[in-house]
C-alpha atoms as a PDB file:
ATOM      1  CA  UNK A   1      -0.271  -0.141  -0.047  1.00  0.00           C
ATOM      2  CA  UNK A   2       0.754   3.865  -0.131  1.00  0.00           C
ATOM      3  CA  UNK A   3       3.487   5.381   2.725  1.00  0.00           C
ATOM      4  CA  UNK A   4      -0.174   6.668   4.445  1.00  0.00           C
ATOM      5  CA  UNK A   5      -2.419   4.103   4.672  1.00  0.00           C
ATOM      6  CA  UNK A   6       0.571   1.957   6.318  1.00  0.00           C
ATOM      7  CA  UNK A   7       1.344   4.853   8.716  1.00  0.00           C
ATOM      8  CA  UNK A   8      -2.521   4.900   9.469  1.00  0.00           C
ATOM      9  CA  UNK A   9      -2.668   1.005  10.347  1.00  0.00           C
ATOM     10  CA  UNK A  10       0.814   0.724  11.945  1.00  0.00           C
ATOM     11  CA  UNK A  11      -0.989   3.631  14.631  1.00  0.00           C
ATOM     12  CA  UNK A  12      -3.400   1.133  14.399  1.00  0.00           C
ATOM     13  CA  UNK A  13      -1.260  -1.047  15.181  1.00  0.00           C
ATOM     14  CA  UNK A  14       0.173   1.659  17.879  1.00  0.00           C
ATOM     15  CA  UNK A  15      -2.902   1.813  19.887  1.00  0.00           C
ATOM     16  CA  UNK A  16      -4.024  -1.592  20.327  1.00  0.00           C
ATOM     17  CA  UNK A  17      -1.045  -2.419  21.955  1.00  0.00           C
ATOM     18  CA  UNK A  18      -1.060   0.236  24.511  1.00  0.00           C
ATOM     19  CA  UNK A  19      -4.076  -0.671  25.680  1.00  0.00           C
ATOM     20  CA  UNK A  20      -2.591  -3.740  25.956  1.00  0.00           C
ATOM     21  CA  UNK A  21       0.020  -2.278  27.258  1.00  0.00           C
ATOM     22  CA  UNK A  22      -2.101   0.202  29.680  1.00  0.00           C
ATOM     23  CA  UNK A  23      -3.405  -2.756  30.454  1.00  0.00           C
ATOM     24  CA  UNK A  24      -0.571  -5.151  31.576  1.00  0.00           C
ATOM     25  CA  UNK A  25       0.756  -2.438  33.018  1.00  0.00           C
ATOM     26  CA  UNK A  26      -2.000  -0.767  35.573  1.00  0.00           C
ATOM     27  CA  UNK A  27      -2.140  -4.919  37.249  1.00  0.00           C
ATOM     28  CA  UNK A  28       1.403  -4.713  37.492  1.00  0.00           C
ATOM     29  CA  UNK A  29       1.306  -1.705  38.957  1.00  0.00           C
ATOM     30  CA  UNK A  30      -1.472  -3.328  41.665  1.00  0.00           C
ATOM     31  CA  UNK A  31       0.197  -5.943  41.988  1.00  0.00           C
ATOM     32  CA  UNK A  32       3.184  -4.380  43.353  1.00  0.00           C
ATOM     33  CA  UNK A  33       1.479  -1.326  45.102  1.00  0.00           C
END
């Protein structure tokens, strides 16, 4: 695809990863607290 669509898809994947990471980080913080 074009560069624009690649960036768009990459951002979507990144957002998903960040959400999953947030959940992991939050649960980890709760365990560590």
